[in-house]
């Protein structure tokens, strides 16, 4: 069974916390997944829409990708009416 490219990118970003798009593309291709720059753009857009990463332009051709830490939610206690 092949590991989906989106999950591989998410797990790699979760470990690294921040990287450039070139670093991520190189890591995905080194991992055995064949990823083109167009596929990378698509999966980065999906992850950003889901709120798992943020993307910022560093220069004209380079982007910085950062993993978004999700705060753990505290359980809500029901209000007691007096």
PDB file of N, CA and C in Angstrom:
ATOM      1  N   UNK A   1       0.842  -1.175   0.000  1.00  0.00           N
ATOM      2  CA  UNK A   1       0.000   0.000   0.000  1.00  0.00           C
ATOM      3  C   UNK A   1       0.892   1.246   0.000  1.00  0.00           C
ATOM      4  N   UNK A   2       0.577   2.178  -0.873  1.00  0.00           N
ATOM      5  CA  UNK A   2       1.366   3.404  -1.000  1.00  0.00           C
ATOM      6  C   UNK A   2       0.868   4.466  -0.023  1.00  0.00           C
ATOM      7  N   UNK A   3       1.775   5.082   0.668  1.00  0.00           N
ATOM      8  CA  UNK A   3       1.467   6.136   1.629  1.00  0.00           C
ATOM      9  C   UNK A   3       1.117   7.400   0.851  1.00  0.00           C
ATOM     10  N   UNK A   4      -0.059   7.999   1.076  1.00  0.00           N
ATOM     11  CA  UNK A   4      -0.444   9.197   0.315  1.00  0.00           C
ATOM     12  C   UNK A   4       0.565  10.331   0.486  1.00  0.00           C
ATOM     13  N   UNK A   5       0.816  11.015  -0.586  1.00  0.00           N
ATOM     14  CA  UNK A   5       1.807  12.079  -0.631  1.00  0.00           C
ATOM     15  C   UNK A   5       1.486  13.200   0.359  1.00  0.00           C
ATOM     16  N   UNK A   6       0.224  13.526   0.500  1.00  0.00           N
ATOM     17  CA  UNK A   6      -0.194  14.597   1.412  1.00  0.00           C
ATOM     18  C   UNK A   6       0.193  14.269   2.856  1.00  0.00           C
ATOM     19  N   UNK A   7       0.005  13.019   3.263  1.00  0.00           N
ATOM     20  CA  UNK A   7       0.337  12.622   4.628  1.00  0.00           C
ATOM     21  C   UNK A   7       1.845  12.562   4.841  1.00  0.00           C
ATOM     22  N   UNK A   8       2.566  12.148   3.818  1.00  0.00           N
ATOM     23  CA  UNK A   8       4.026  12.123   3.915  1.00  0.00           C
ATOM     24  C   UNK A   8       4.560  13.544   4.097  1.00  0.00           C
ATOM     25  N   UNK A   9       4.012  14.493   3.336  1.00  0.00           N
ATOM     26  CA  UNK A   9       4.437  15.893   3.456  1.00  0.00           C
ATOM     27  C   UNK A   9       4.065  16.448   4.826  1.00  0.00           C
ATOM     28  N   UNK A  10       2.874  16.118   5.312  1.00  0.00           N
ATOM     29  CA  UNK A  10       2.436  16.601   6.628  1.00  0.00           C
ATOM     30  C   UNK A  10       3.327  16.058   7.737  1.00  0.00           C
ATOM     31  N   UNK A  11       3.624  14.779   7.699  1.00  0.00           N
ATOM     32  CA  UNK A  11       4.470  14.175   8.731  1.00  0.00           C
ATOM     33  C   UNK A  11       5.881  14.757   8.701  1.00  0.00           C
ATOM     34  N   UNK A  12       6.420  14.998   7.502  1.00  0.00           N
ATOM     35  CA  UNK A  12       7.758  15.574   7.377  1.00  0.00           C
ATOM     36  C   UNK A  12       7.773  16.995   7.941  1.00  0.00           C
ATOM     37  N   UNK A  13       6.726  17.783   7.623  1.00  0.00           N
ATOM     38  CA  UNK A  13       6.647  19.150   8.123  1.00  0.00           C
ATOM     39  C   UNK A  13       6.431  19.167   9.635  1.00  0.00           C
ATOM     40  N   UNK A  14       5.709  18.199  10.144  1.00  0.00           N
ATOM     41  CA  UNK A  14       5.476  18.114  11.585  1.00  0.00           C
ATOM     42  C   UNK A  14       6.797  17.895  12.322  1.00  0.00           C
ATOM     43  N   UNK A  15       7.675  17.119  11.724  1.00  0.00           N
ATOM     44  CA  UNK A  15       8.983  16.839  12.314  1.00  0.00           C
ATOM     45  C   UNK A  15       9.923  18.035  12.198  1.00  0.00           C
ATOM     46  N   UNK A  16       9.954  18.681  11.047  1.00  0.00           N
ATOM     47  CA  UNK A  16      10.898  19.774  10.781  1.00  0.00           C
ATOM     48  C   UNK A  16      10.435  21.127  11.301  1.00  0.00           C
ATOM     49  N   UNK A  17       9.127  21.338  11.430  1.00  0.00           N
ATOM     50  CA  UNK A  17       8.497  22.592  11.879  1.00  0.00           C
ATOM     51  C   UNK A  17       8.512  23.696  10.823  1.00  0.00           C
ATOM     52  N   UNK A  18       9.606  23.880  10.075  1.00  0.00           N
ATOM     53  CA  UNK A  18       9.620  24.854   8.990  1.00  0.00           C
ATOM     54  C   UNK A  18      10.686  24.456   7.973  1.00  0.00           C
ATOM     55  N   UNK A  19      10.417  24.778   6.715  1.00  0.00           N
ATOM     56  CA  UNK A  19      11.332  24.446   5.629  1.00  0.00           C
ATOM     57  C   UNK A  19      10.923  25.231   4.389  1.00  0.00           C
ATOM     58  N   UNK A  20      11.755  25.171   3.369  1.00  0.00           N
ATOM     59  CA  UNK A  20      11.392  25.788   2.097  1.00  0.00           C
ATOM     60  C   UNK A  20      10.695  24.751   1.228  1.00  0.00           C
ATOM     61  N   UNK A  21      10.023  25.230   0.200  1.00  0.00           N
ATOM     62  CA  UNK A  21       9.332  24.308  -0.697  1.00  0.00           C
ATOM     63  C   UNK A  21      10.317  23.402  -1.435  1.00  0.00           C
ATOM     64  N   UNK A  22      11.520  23.900  -1.721  1.00  0.00           N
ATOM     65  CA  UNK A  22      12.535  23.071  -2.384  1.00  0.00           C
ATOM     66  C   UNK A  22      12.992  21.928  -1.480  1.00  0.00           C
ATOM     67  N   UNK A  23      13.145  22.220  -0.179  1.00  0.00           N
ATOM     68  CA  UNK A  23      13.541  21.178   0.772  1.00  0.00           C
ATOM     69  C   UNK A  23      12.480  20.081   0.869  1.00  0.00           C
ATOM     70  N   UNK A  24      11.224  20.489   0.913  1.00  0.00           N
ATOM     71  CA  UNK A  24      10.128  19.523   1.006  1.00  0.00           C
ATOM     72  C   UNK A  24      10.046  18.674  -0.260  1.00  0.00           C
ATOM     73  N   UNK A  25      10.174  19.291  -1.413  1.00  0.00           N
ATOM     74  CA  UNK A  25      10.133  18.547  -2.674  1.00  0.00           C
ATOM     75  C   UNK A  25      11.270  17.540  -2.744  1.00  0.00           C
ATOM     76  N   UNK A  26      12.458  17.946  -2.338  1.00  0.00           N
ATOM     77  CA  UNK A  26      13.612  17.051  -2.326  1.00  0.00           C
ATOM     78  C   UNK A  26      13.400  15.885  -1.362  1.00  0.00           C
ATOM     79  N   UNK A  27      12.852  16.164  -0.186  1.00  0.00           N
ATOM     80  CA  UNK A  27      12.612  15.110   0.810  1.00  0.00           C
ATOM     81  C   UNK A  27      11.568  14.115   0.321  1.00  0.00           C
ATOM     82  N   UNK A  28      10.524  14.602  -0.327  1.00  0.00           N
ATOM     83  CA  UNK A  28       9.485  13.701  -0.839  1.00  0.00           C
ATOM     84  C   UNK A  28      10.026  12.810  -1.948  1.00  0.00           C
ATOM     85  N   UNK A  29      10.831  13.377  -2.829  1.00  0.00           N
ATOM     86  CA  UNK A  29      11.409  12.583  -3.912  1.00  0.00           C
ATOM     87  C   UNK A  29      12.456  11.599  -3.398  1.00  0.00           C
ATOM     88  N   UNK A  30      13.180  11.976  -2.350  1.00  0.00           N
ATOM     89  CA  UNK A  30      14.183  11.093  -1.768  1.00  0.00           C
ATOM     90  C   UNK A  30      13.519   9.930  -1.032  1.00  0.00           C
ATOM     91  N   UNK A  31      12.310  10.180  -0.524  1.00  0.00           N
ATOM     92  CA  UNK A  31      11.554   9.182   0.221  1.00  0.00           C
ATOM     93  C   UNK A  31      11.007   8.073  -0.683  1.00  0.00           C
ATOM     94  N   UNK A  32      11.101   8.246  -1.985  1.00  0.00           N
ATOM     95  CA  UNK A  32      10.605   7.244  -2.912  1.00  0.00           C
ATOM     96  C   UNK A  32       9.320   7.661  -3.600  1.00  0.00           C
ATOM     97  N   UNK A  33       8.725   8.753  -3.167  1.00  0.00           N
ATOM     98  CA  UNK A  33       7.519   9.268  -3.809  1.00  0.00           C
ATOM     99  C   UNK A  33       7.938  10.125  -4.988  1.00  0.00           C
ATOM    100  N   UNK A  34       7.280   9.960  -6.079  1.00  0.00           N
ATOM    101  CA  UNK A  34       7.544  10.813  -7.233  1.00  0.00           C
ATOM    102  C   UNK A  34       6.612  12.006  -7.157  1.00  0.00           C
ATOM    103  N   UNK A  35       7.181  13.176  -6.922  1.00  0.00           N
ATOM    104  CA  UNK A  35       6.388  14.391  -6.748  1.00  0.00           C
ATOM    105  C   UNK A  35       6.907  15.469  -7.687  1.00  0.00           C
ATOM    106  N   UNK A  36       6.016  16.019  -8.478  1.00  0.00           N
ATOM    107  CA  UNK A  36       6.388  17.116  -9.369  1.00  0.00           C
ATOM    108  C   UNK A  36       6.089  18.440  -8.664  1.00  0.00           C
ATOM    109  N   UNK A  37       6.650  19.529  -9.134  1.00  0.00           N
ATOM    110  CA  UNK A  37       6.346  20.832  -8.522  1.00  0.00           C
ATOM    111  C   UNK A  37       4.849  21.162  -8.559  1.00  0.00           C
ATOM    112  N   UNK A  38       4.142  20.749  -9.610  1.00  0.00           N
ATOM    113  CA  UNK A  38       2.700  20.997  -9.683  1.00  0.00           C
ATOM    114  C   UNK A  38       1.946  20.205  -8.611  1.00  0.00           C
ATOM    115  N   UNK A  39       2.342  18.953  -8.393  1.00  0.00           N
ATOM    116  CA  UNK A  39       1.722  18.145  -7.341  1.00  0.00           C
ATOM    117  C   UNK A  39       2.011  18.735  -5.969  1.00  0.00           C
ATOM    118  N   UNK A  40       3.229  19.247  -5.786  1.00  0.00           N
ATOM    119  CA  UNK A  40       3.593  19.873  -4.520  1.00  0.00           C
ATOM    120  C   UNK A  40       2.714  21.092  -4.257  1.00  0.00           C
ATOM    121  N   UNK A  41       2.487  21.915  -5.278  1.00  0.00           N
ATOM    122  CA  UNK A  41       1.631  23.087  -5.127  1.00  0.00           C
ATOM    123  C   UNK A  41       0.226  22.679  -4.696  1.00  0.00           C
ATOM    124  N   UNK A  42      -0.285  21.629  -5.304  1.00  0.00           N
ATOM    125  CA  UNK A  42      -1.639  21.157  -4.994  1.00  0.00           C
ATOM    126  C   UNK A  42      -1.739  20.662  -3.555  1.00  0.00           C
ATOM    127  N   UNK A  43      -0.773  19.857  -3.117  1.00  0.00           N
ATOM    128  CA  UNK A  43      -0.863  19.328  -1.755  1.00  0.00           C
ATOM    129  C   UNK A  43      -0.597  20.408  -0.713  1.00  0.00           C
ATOM    130  N   UNK A  44       0.264  21.387  -1.026  1.00  0.00           N
ATOM    131  CA  UNK A  44       0.476  22.505  -0.105  1.00  0.00           C
ATOM    132  C   UNK A  44      -0.796  23.335   0.041  1.00  0.00           C
ATOM    133  N   UNK A  45      -1.516  23.517  -1.059  1.00  0.00           N
ATOM    134  CA  UNK A  45      -2.771  24.254  -1.001  1.00  0.00           C
ATOM    135  C   UNK A  45      -3.782  23.506  -0.139  1.00  0.00           C
ATOM    136  N   UNK A  46      -3.854  22.190  -0.272  1.00  0.00           N
ATOM    137  CA  UNK A  46      -4.778  21.391   0.535  1.00  0.00           C
ATOM    138  C   UNK A  46      -4.440  21.492   2.019  1.00  0.00           C
ATOM    139  N   UNK A  47      -3.156  21.384   2.354  1.00  0.00           N
ATOM    140  CA  UNK A  47      -2.744  21.455   3.754  1.00  0.00           C
ATOM    141  C   UNK A  47      -2.967  22.847   4.342  1.00  0.00           C
ATOM    142  N   UNK A  48      -2.794  23.887   3.514  1.00  0.00           N
ATOM    143  CA  UNK A  48      -3.004  25.248   4.006  1.00  0.00           C
ATOM    144  C   UNK A  48      -4.496  25.519   4.226  1.00  0.00           C
ATOM    145  N   UNK A  49      -5.336  25.013   3.347  1.00  0.00           N
ATOM    146  CA  UNK A  49      -6.781  25.182   3.513  1.00  0.00           C
ATOM    147  C   UNK A  49      -7.260  24.494   4.788  1.00  0.00           C
ATOM    148  N   UNK A  50      -6.681  23.333   5.088  1.00  0.00           N
ATOM    149  CA  UNK A  50      -7.037  22.613   6.304  1.00  0.00           C
ATOM    150  C   UNK A  50      -6.480  23.276   7.569  1.00  0.00           C
ATOM    151  N   UNK A  51      -5.611  24.263   7.412  1.00  0.00           N
ATOM    152  CA  UNK A  51      -5.051  24.980   8.548  1.00  0.00           C
ATOM    153  C   UNK A  51      -3.901  24.251   9.215  1.00  0.00           C
ATOM    154  N   UNK A  52      -3.279  23.305   8.501  1.00  0.00           N
ATOM    155  CA  UNK A  52      -2.192  22.525   9.077  1.00  0.00           C
ATOM    156  C   UNK A  52      -0.834  23.172   8.867  1.00  0.00           C
ATOM    157  N   UNK A  53      -0.706  24.021   7.846  1.00  0.00           N
ATOM    158  CA  UNK A  53       0.545  24.718   7.555  1.00  0.00           C
ATOM    159  C   UNK A  53       0.233  26.152   7.146  1.00  0.00           C
ATOM    160  N   UNK A  54       1.257  27.007   7.185  1.00  0.00           N
ATOM    161  CA  UNK A  54       1.157  28.348   6.602  1.00  0.00           C
ATOM    162  C   UNK A  54       2.294  28.492   5.603  1.00  0.00           C
ATOM    163  N   UNK A  55       2.054  29.273   4.573  1.00  0.00           N
ATOM    164  CA  UNK A  55       3.044  29.459   3.515  1.00  0.00           C
ATOM    165  C   UNK A  55       3.294  30.950   3.348  1.00  0.00           C
ATOM    166  N   UNK A  56       4.581  31.314   3.294  1.00  0.00           N
ATOM    167  CA  UNK A  56       4.981  32.706   3.074  1.00  0.00           C
ATOM    168  C   UNK A  56       6.020  32.740   1.960  1.00  0.00           C
ATOM    169  N   UNK A  57       5.942  33.760   1.139  1.00  0.00           N
ATOM    170  CA  UNK A  57       6.933  33.935   0.084  1.00  0.00           C
ATOM    171  C   UNK A  57       8.191  34.548   0.674  1.00  0.00           C
ATOM    172  N   UNK A  58       9.339  33.908   0.399  1.00  0.00           N
ATOM    173  CA  UNK A  58      10.628  34.418   0.853  1.00  0.00           C
ATOM    174  C   UNK A  58      11.256  35.253  -0.255  1.00  0.00           C
ATOM    175  N   UNK A  59      11.181  34.759  -1.465  1.00  0.00           N
ATOM    176  CA  UNK A  59      11.661  35.487  -2.635  1.00  0.00           C
ATOM    177  C   UNK A  59      10.714  35.173  -3.784  1.00  0.00           C
ATOM    178  N   UNK A  60      11.066  35.615  -4.967  1.00  0.00           N
ATOM    179  CA  UNK A  60      10.180  35.429  -6.115  1.00  0.00           C
ATOM    180  C   UNK A  60       9.884  33.952  -6.391  1.00  0.00           C
ATOM    181  N   UNK A  61      10.866  33.084  -6.209  1.00  0.00           N
ATOM    182  CA  UNK A  61      10.707  31.675  -6.546  1.00  0.00           C
ATOM    183  C   UNK A  61      10.775  30.738  -5.349  1.00  0.00           C
ATOM    184  N   UNK A  62      10.814  31.257  -4.152  1.00  0.00           N
ATOM    185  CA  UNK A  62      10.987  30.408  -2.973  1.00  0.00           C
ATOM    186  C   UNK A  62       9.937  30.719  -1.917  1.00  0.00           C
ATOM    187  N   UNK A  63       9.376  29.642  -1.333  1.00  0.00           N
ATOM    188  CA  UNK A  63       8.376  29.792  -0.284  1.00  0.00           C
ATOM    189  C   UNK A  63       8.861  29.140   1.004  1.00  0.00           C
ATOM    190  N   UNK A  64       8.435  29.708   2.121  1.00  0.00           N
ATOM    191  CA  UNK A  64       8.727  29.145   3.436  1.00  0.00           C
ATOM    192  C   UNK A  64       7.439  28.515   3.954  1.00  0.00           C
ATOM    193  N   UNK A  65       7.535  27.259   4.342  1.00  0.00           N
ATOM    194  CA  UNK A  65       6.385  26.519   4.838  1.00  0.00           C
ATOM    195  C   UNK A  65       6.587  26.288   6.328  1.00  0.00           C
ATOM    196  N   UNK A  66       5.572  26.594   7.117  1.00  0.00           N
ATOM    197  CA  UNK A  66       5.658  26.418   8.565  1.00  0.00           C
ATOM    198  C   UNK A  66       4.513  25.543   9.045  1.00  0.00           C
ATOM    199  N   UNK A  67       4.837  24.621   9.929  1.00  0.00           N
ATOM    200  CA  UNK A  67       3.852  23.737  10.533  1.00  0.00           C
ATOM    201  C   UNK A  67       3.074  24.526  11.579  1.00  0.00           C
ATOM    202  N   UNK A  68       1.760  24.387  11.587  1.00  0.00           N
ATOM    203  CA  UNK A  68       0.916  25.076  12.553  1.00  0.00           C
ATOM    204  C   UNK A  68       0.643  24.175  13.744  1.00  0.00           C
ATOM    205  N   UNK A  69       1.078  24.608  14.907  1.00  0.00           N
ATOM    206  CA  UNK A  69       0.783  23.871  16.138  1.00  0.00           C
ATOM    207  C   UNK A  69      -0.663  24.146  16.519  1.00  0.00           C
ATOM    208  N   UNK A  70      -1.387  23.101  16.800  1.00  0.00           N
ATOM    209  CA  UNK A  70      -2.770  23.273  17.239  1.00  0.00           C
ATOM    210  C   UNK A  70      -2.815  23.199  18.758  1.00  0.00           C
ATOM    211  N   UNK A  71      -3.371  24.214  19.387  1.00  0.00           N
ATOM    212  CA  UNK A  71      -3.462  24.159  20.847  1.00  0.00           C
ATOM    213  C   UNK A  71      -4.458  23.082  21.267  1.00  0.00           C
ATOM    214  N   UNK A  72      -4.133  22.419  22.343  1.00  0.00           N
ATOM    215  CA  UNK A  72      -5.050  21.398  22.836  1.00  0.00           C
ATOM    216  C   UNK A  72      -6.216  22.095  23.511  1.00  0.00           C
ATOM    217  N   UNK A  73      -7.391  21.626  23.221  1.00  0.00           N
ATOM    218  CA  UNK A  73      -8.582  22.245  23.782  1.00  0.00           C
ATOM    219  C   UNK A  73      -8.849  21.685  25.172  1.00  0.00           C
ATOM    220  N   UNK A  74      -9.183  22.581  26.077  1.00  0.00           N
ATOM    221  CA  UNK A  74      -9.524  22.154  27.419  1.00  0.00           C
ATOM    222  C   UNK A  74     -10.983  21.713  27.415  1.00  0.00           C
ATOM    223  N   UNK A  75     -11.282  20.645  28.125  1.00  0.00           N
ATOM    224  CA  UNK A  75     -12.685  20.204  28.164  1.00  0.00           C
ATOM    225  C   UNK A  75     -13.546  21.256  28.853  1.00  0.00           C
ATOM    226  N   UNK A  76     -14.705  21.462  28.305  1.00  0.00           N
ATOM    227  CA  UNK A  76     -15.613  22.455  28.881  1.00  0.00           C
ATOM    228  C   UNK A  76     -16.427  21.812  29.996  1.00  0.00           C
ATOM    229  N   UNK A  77     -16.515  22.538  31.065  1.00  0.00           N
ATOM    230  CA  UNK A  77     -17.321  22.081  32.185  1.00  0.00           C
ATOM    231  C   UNK A  77     -18.718  22.681  32.027  1.00  0.00           C
ATOM    232  N   UNK A  78     -19.737  21.902  32.281  1.00  0.00           N
ATOM    233  CA  UNK A  78     -21.089  22.461  32.183  1.00  0.00           C
ATOM    234  C   UNK A  78     -21.306  23.498  33.278  1.00  0.00           C
ATOM    235  N   UNK A  79     -22.054  24.517  32.929  1.00  0.00           N
ATOM    236  CA  UNK A  79     -22.346  25.569  33.911  1.00  0.00           C
ATOM    237  C   UNK A  79     -23.404  25.079  34.880  1.00  0.00           C
ATOM    238  N   UNK A  80     -23.205  25.401  36.104  1.00  0.00           N
ATOM    239  CA  UNK A  80     -24.159  25.018  37.136  1.00  0.00           C
ATOM    240  C   UNK A  80     -25.024  26.238  37.439  1.00  0.00           C
ATOM    241  N   UNK A  81     -26.293  26.048  37.264  1.00  0.00           N
ATOM    242  CA  UNK A  81     -27.237  27.148  37.542  1.00  0.00           C
ATOM    243  C   UNK A  81     -27.610  27.105  39.010  1.00  0.00           C
ATOM    244  N   UNK A  82     -27.632  28.253  39.600  1.00  0.00           N
ATOM    245  CA  UNK A  82     -27.999  28.323  41.016  1.00  0.00           C
ATOM    246  C   UNK A  82     -29.363  28.873  41.191  1.00  0.00           C
TER     247      UNK A  82
END
